[in-house]
């Protein structure tokens, strides 16, 4: 079944136009939910006001070419490779989930709009659809059972639902899981295949219809915040934070007399602190 088009079978009782309309509806739900989220949290206003304040504190002018380079760096670093995750396990889990989701959604759209009734659609597209769902499940379940901060550090049970905070990841997992089960159950047909198909449609609707309440919109805000941070570092505004001093500078040490005592070569013993346990949760 890995090389078959799972949508071709349902085209016998569901019109391709209905399936295509469902995809368009999901896109509109994402757009609408994201806009409502921006209005509720005033994210756009925050970014605008923070950027304006940073410009007032800027010490250097950042040209268009420099900003373009920072934008490319943001895409290559924060978006494509998720370099902000220092923990290798968390980073790998996130990348599997992200690329699995992209593969799954893009290939679903291709199959529904280009090959809705054709069981002999391109083998590569069918394989990528199943691979995307499998990657999403791998990264998502790894995160849910092992990497979640509250599970790993606070002892919260894996089956304890944390309201809106878990709505996004559970929606992703449900969509990919029921999608795979629906595809494989087509080997047997009957009520089982229909059950998994209905659960697949339901979980997809919940995922894309709950953008306003879930963390889905976070995917769009994070790159913007990362780019703004890089611009703030480049123009010297330091995100409106104090200057990053050179602690070895004599003038800095004269201004802050406690630096030699606490930041020198032989600082006092202040205990293990955060080194008591390796930082593996974030």
Protein backbone atom coordinates (compact mmCIF):
# COMPACT_ATOMS: atom_id res chain seq x y z
CA UNK A 1 0.00 0.00 0.00
CA UNK A 2 2.98 2.32 0.28
CA UNK A 3 2.92 2.92 -3.48
CA UNK A 4 -0.85 3.38 -3.83
CA UNK A 5 -2.90 6.55 -3.77
CA UNK A 6 -5.09 6.32 -0.62
CA UNK A 7 -7.49 8.99 -1.92
CA UNK A 8 -8.37 7.10 -5.10
CA UNK A 9 -10.53 4.57 -3.25
CA UNK A 10 -12.75 7.15 -1.52
CA UNK A 11 -13.32 8.96 -4.82
CA UNK A 12 -15.87 6.22 -5.58
CA UNK A 13 -18.31 7.70 -3.03
CA UNK A 14 -16.86 11.18 -2.39
CA UNK A 15 -16.58 13.61 -5.29
CA UNK A 16 -13.09 14.98 -6.00
CA UNK A 17 -14.65 18.45 -5.87
CA UNK A 18 -15.72 17.79 -2.27
CA UNK A 19 -12.21 16.64 -1.31
CA UNK A 20 -10.68 19.69 -2.98
CA UNK A 21 -13.20 21.95 -1.27
CA UNK A 22 -12.25 20.39 2.07
CA UNK A 23 -8.56 21.22 1.46
CA UNK A 24 -9.44 24.81 0.56
CA UNK A 25 -11.58 25.05 3.70
CA UNK A 26 -8.65 23.87 5.85
CA UNK A 27 -6.41 26.54 4.28
CA UNK A 28 -9.01 29.21 5.05
CA UNK A 29 -9.30 27.95 8.63
CA UNK A 30 -5.54 28.27 9.08
CA UNK A 31 -5.51 31.80 7.66
CA UNK A 32 -8.53 32.86 9.69
CA UNK A 33 -7.26 31.27 12.90
CA UNK A 34 -3.83 32.88 12.49
CA UNK A 35 -5.35 36.33 11.90
CA UNK A 36 -7.62 35.93 14.94
CA UNK A 37 -4.63 34.83 17.01
CA UNK A 38 -2.69 37.91 15.88
CA UNK A 39 -5.61 40.15 16.78
CA UNK A 40 -6.10 38.53 20.18
CA UNK A 41 -2.42 38.47 21.18
CA UNK A 42 -1.62 41.67 19.27
CA UNK A 43 1.47 39.97 17.86
CA UNK A 44 1.78 42.26 14.85
CA UNK A 45 1.51 45.32 17.11
CA UNK A 46 4.18 43.91 19.41
CA UNK A 47 6.61 43.26 16.53
CA UNK A 48 5.98 46.72 15.07
CA UNK A 49 6.42 48.58 18.37
CA UNK A 50 9.48 46.51 19.34
CA UNK A 51 11.06 47.14 15.93
CA UNK A 52 10.34 50.88 16.19
CA UNK A 53 11.88 51.05 19.66
CA UNK A 54 14.94 49.13 18.47
CA UNK A 55 15.39 51.57 15.58
CA UNK A 56 15.45 54.44 18.05
CA UNK A 57 18.21 52.70 20.03
CA UNK A 58 20.15 51.56 16.97
CA UNK A 59 23.81 52.51 16.82
CA UNK A 60 24.43 51.36 13.27
CA UNK A 61 22.42 51.50 10.07
CA UNK A 62 21.61 48.10 8.58
CA UNK A 63 21.16 48.29 4.82
CA UNK A 64 18.78 46.32 2.66
CA UNK A 65 21.54 43.95 1.54
CA UNK A 66 22.49 43.17 5.13
CA UNK A 67 18.85 42.58 6.06
CA UNK A 68 18.44 40.28 3.08
CA UNK A 69 21.46 38.30 4.24
CA UNK A 70 20.03 38.09 7.76
CA UNK A 71 16.72 36.88 6.31
CA UNK A 72 18.50 34.13 4.38
CA UNK A 73 20.44 33.19 7.50
CA UNK A 74 17.21 33.03 9.51
CA UNK A 75 15.59 30.71 6.97
CA UNK A 76 18.67 28.49 6.78
CA UNK A 77 19.23 28.39 10.53
CA UNK A 78 16.01 28.77 12.51
CA UNK A 79 13.59 27.50 9.84
CA UNK A 80 15.32 24.77 7.82
CA UNK A 81 17.65 23.32 10.47
CA UNK A 82 16.10 24.49 13.79
CA UNK A 83 19.48 25.51 15.16
CA UNK A 84 17.85 27.23 18.15
CA UNK A 85 17.45 23.79 19.75
CA UNK A 86 20.73 23.05 21.51
CA UNK A 87 19.48 19.66 22.66
CA UNK A 88 20.16 17.24 19.79
CA UNK A 89 17.22 14.97 20.71
CA UNK A 90 14.77 17.86 20.76
CA UNK A 91 16.16 19.21 17.51
CA UNK A 92 15.92 15.88 15.68
CA UNK A 93 12.40 15.30 16.96
CA UNK A 94 11.35 18.76 15.81
CA UNK A 95 12.91 18.34 12.36
CA UNK A 96 11.25 14.95 11.81
CA UNK A 97 7.89 16.39 12.86
CA UNK A 98 8.28 19.54 10.76
CA UNK A 99 9.46 17.90 7.55
CA UNK A 100 7.01 15.04 8.02
CA UNK A 101 4.16 17.54 8.29
CA UNK A 102 5.31 19.46 5.20
CA UNK A 103 5.66 16.28 3.13
CA UNK A 104 2.31 14.96 4.29
CA UNK A 105 0.37 18.17 3.62
CA UNK A 106 2.00 18.96 0.26
CA UNK A 107 1.63 15.43 -1.13
CA UNK A 108 -1.97 15.26 0.13
CA UNK A 109 -2.76 18.42 -1.83
CA UNK A 110 -1.01 17.05 -4.94
CA UNK A 111 -2.90 13.76 -4.79
CA UNK A 112 -6.27 15.39 -4.15
CA UNK A 113 -5.98 18.09 -6.81
CA UNK A 114 -4.01 16.22 -9.49
CA UNK A 115 -4.81 12.52 -9.01
CA UNK A 116 -8.06 12.30 -6.99
CA UNK A 117 -9.43 9.28 -8.90
CA UNK A 118 -6.21 7.74 -10.22
CA UNK A 119 -4.92 4.75 -8.21
CA UNK A 120 -1.82 4.75 -10.44
CA UNK A 121 -0.60 8.18 -9.40
CA UNK A 122 3.19 8.68 -9.37
CA UNK A 123 4.85 6.18 -7.05
CA UNK A 124 7.19 8.84 -5.65
CA UNK A 125 4.26 11.04 -4.54
CA UNK A 126 2.56 8.07 -2.85
CA UNK A 127 5.77 7.06 -1.10
CA UNK A 128 6.39 10.63 0.09
CA UNK A 129 2.83 10.79 1.47
CA UNK A 130 3.43 7.70 3.60
CA UNK A 131 6.97 8.80 4.49
CA UNK A 132 5.70 12.20 5.63
CA UNK A 133 3.09 10.60 7.89
CA UNK A 134 5.68 8.16 9.28
CA UNK A 135 8.21 10.96 9.99
CA UNK A 136 5.51 13.01 11.66
CA UNK A 137 4.55 10.07 13.87
CA UNK A 138 8.19 9.29 14.72
CA UNK A 139 9.08 12.84 15.74
CA UNK A 140 5.73 13.54 17.39
CA UNK A 141 5.51 10.39 19.49
CA UNK A 142 9.17 10.72 20.49
CA UNK A 143 8.41 14.23 21.72
CA UNK A 144 5.16 13.21 23.45
CA UNK A 145 6.49 10.21 25.36
CA UNK A 146 10.07 11.27 26.08
CA UNK A 147 11.03 14.89 25.41
CA UNK A 148 8.12 16.99 26.72
CA UNK A 149 9.43 19.12 29.55
CA UNK A 150 6.63 18.33 31.98
CA UNK A 151 6.97 14.59 31.32
CA UNK A 152 10.78 14.55 31.45
CA UNK A 153 11.33 16.88 34.40
CA UNK A 154 8.08 17.28 36.32
CA UNK A 155 6.92 13.68 36.35
CA UNK A 156 3.64 14.38 34.54
CA UNK A 157 2.07 11.24 33.07
CA UNK A 158 2.29 10.96 29.28
CA UNK A 159 -1.48 10.44 29.08
CA UNK A 160 -2.31 13.64 30.96
CA UNK A 161 -3.81 16.16 28.53
CA UNK A 162 -2.68 19.74 29.13
CA UNK A 163 -5.56 21.52 27.47
CA UNK A 164 -4.76 23.94 24.65
CA UNK A 165 -1.02 23.49 25.14
CA UNK A 166 -1.19 19.93 23.80
CA UNK A 167 -3.91 20.47 21.21
CA UNK A 168 -1.48 21.08 18.35
CA UNK A 169 0.81 18.08 18.85
CA UNK A 170 -2.10 15.71 19.55
CA UNK A 171 -3.88 16.95 16.44
CA UNK A 172 -0.77 16.32 14.35
CA UNK A 173 -0.32 12.82 15.77
CA UNK A 174 -3.97 11.91 15.32
CA UNK A 175 -4.02 13.11 11.70
CA UNK A 176 -0.85 11.22 10.72
CA UNK A 177 -1.71 8.08 12.68
CA UNK A 178 -5.24 7.71 11.37
CA UNK A 179 -4.02 8.58 7.88
CA UNK A 180 -1.56 5.68 7.93
CA UNK A 181 -4.11 3.32 9.49
CA UNK A 182 -6.66 4.30 6.88
CA UNK A 183 -4.19 3.69 4.05
CA UNK A 184 -3.12 0.27 5.36
CA UNK A 185 -6.68 -0.81 6.22
CA UNK A 186 -7.65 -0.40 2.57
CA UNK A 187 -6.04 -3.81 2.09
CA UNK A 188 -9.01 -5.27 3.99
CA UNK A 189 -11.66 -2.71 3.08
CA UNK A 190 -15.05 -2.66 4.75
CA UNK A 191 -16.07 -0.87 7.92
CA UNK A 192 -12.55 -0.73 9.37
CA UNK A 193 -11.22 1.33 6.48
CA UNK A 194 -14.23 3.66 6.67
CA UNK A 195 -13.76 4.09 10.42
CA UNK A 196 -10.12 5.14 10.05
CA UNK A 197 -11.03 7.45 7.17
CA UNK A 198 -13.67 9.22 9.27
CA UNK A 199 -11.20 9.56 12.16
CA UNK A 200 -8.60 10.92 9.74
CA UNK A 201 -11.02 13.58 8.46
CA UNK A 202 -12.13 14.44 12.00
CA UNK A 203 -8.58 14.81 13.36
CA UNK A 204 -7.57 16.91 10.34
CA UNK A 205 -10.53 19.20 10.92
CA UNK A 206 -9.66 19.55 14.61
CA UNK A 207 -6.00 20.31 13.81
CA UNK A 208 -6.63 23.02 11.23
CA UNK A 209 -9.85 24.29 12.81
CA UNK A 210 -8.28 24.88 16.22
CA UNK A 211 -5.48 27.21 15.09
CA UNK A 212 -6.86 30.04 17.21
CA UNK A 213 -6.65 27.92 20.38
CA UNK A 214 -3.53 25.86 19.65
CA UNK A 215 0.14 26.63 19.01
CA UNK A 216 -0.21 26.28 15.23
CA UNK A 217 0.23 30.02 14.62
CA UNK A 218 3.53 29.84 16.51
CA UNK A 219 5.10 28.38 13.35
CA UNK A 220 4.60 31.72 11.57
CA UNK A 221 5.68 33.98 14.45
CA UNK A 222 8.92 32.21 15.34
CA UNK A 223 10.85 33.04 12.11
CA UNK A 224 9.72 36.68 12.35
CA UNK A 225 10.97 36.92 15.94
CA UNK A 226 14.29 35.29 15.02
CA UNK A 227 14.81 37.72 12.13
CA UNK A 228 13.99 40.72 14.32
CA UNK A 229 16.50 39.50 16.91
CA UNK A 230 19.27 39.24 14.29
CA UNK A 231 18.53 42.75 13.03
CA UNK A 232 18.64 44.08 16.60
CA UNK A 233 22.05 42.52 17.14
CA UNK A 234 23.32 43.88 13.83
CA UNK A 235 22.23 47.48 14.43
CA UNK A 236 23.51 47.53 18.01
CA UNK A 237 20.14 48.09 19.67
CA UNK A 238 20.71 44.89 21.68
CA UNK A 239 16.95 44.18 21.85
CA UNK A 240 16.76 47.12 24.24
CA UNK A 241 19.00 45.25 26.71
CA UNK A 242 22.19 46.56 28.39
CA UNK A 243 25.44 46.52 26.46
CA UNK A 244 27.40 43.30 26.18
CA UNK A 245 30.53 44.36 28.09
CA UNK A 246 34.02 42.93 27.78
CA UNK A 247 34.62 41.70 31.33
CA UNK A 248 38.40 41.81 30.89
CA UNK A 249 38.27 45.56 30.16
CA UNK A 250 39.76 47.58 33.05
CA UNK A 251 37.19 50.38 32.61
CA UNK A 252 34.35 47.85 32.82
CA UNK A 253 35.85 46.32 35.96
CA UNK A 254 36.18 49.78 37.51
CA UNK A 255 32.54 50.48 36.72
CA UNK A 256 31.44 47.14 38.17
CA UNK A 257 33.86 46.36 41.05
CA UNK A 258 32.38 42.95 41.80
CA UNK A 259 33.40 41.52 38.40
CA UNK A 260 36.93 40.48 39.45
CA UNK A 261 35.51 38.72 42.52
CA UNK A 262 32.72 36.77 40.86
CA UNK A 263 33.89 36.54 37.24
CA UNK A 264 37.66 36.31 37.71
CA UNK A 265 39.97 33.32 37.45
CA UNK A 266 39.18 32.10 40.97
CA UNK A 267 35.51 32.88 41.73
CA UNK A 268 34.10 31.85 45.12
CA UNK A 269 32.44 28.46 45.45
CA UNK A 270 28.73 29.17 44.91
CA UNK A 271 27.56 25.54 44.75
CA UNK A 272 26.56 23.34 41.86
CA UNK A 273 23.62 25.47 40.78
CA UNK A 274 22.23 24.41 37.41
CA UNK A 275 25.17 22.02 36.96
CA UNK A 276 23.57 19.71 39.52
CA UNK A 277 21.75 18.11 36.56
CA UNK A 278 22.61 18.19 32.88
CA UNK A 279 20.34 20.58 30.88
CA UNK A 280 18.62 17.92 28.81
CA UNK A 281 15.01 19.12 28.91
CA UNK A 282 15.07 22.15 26.61
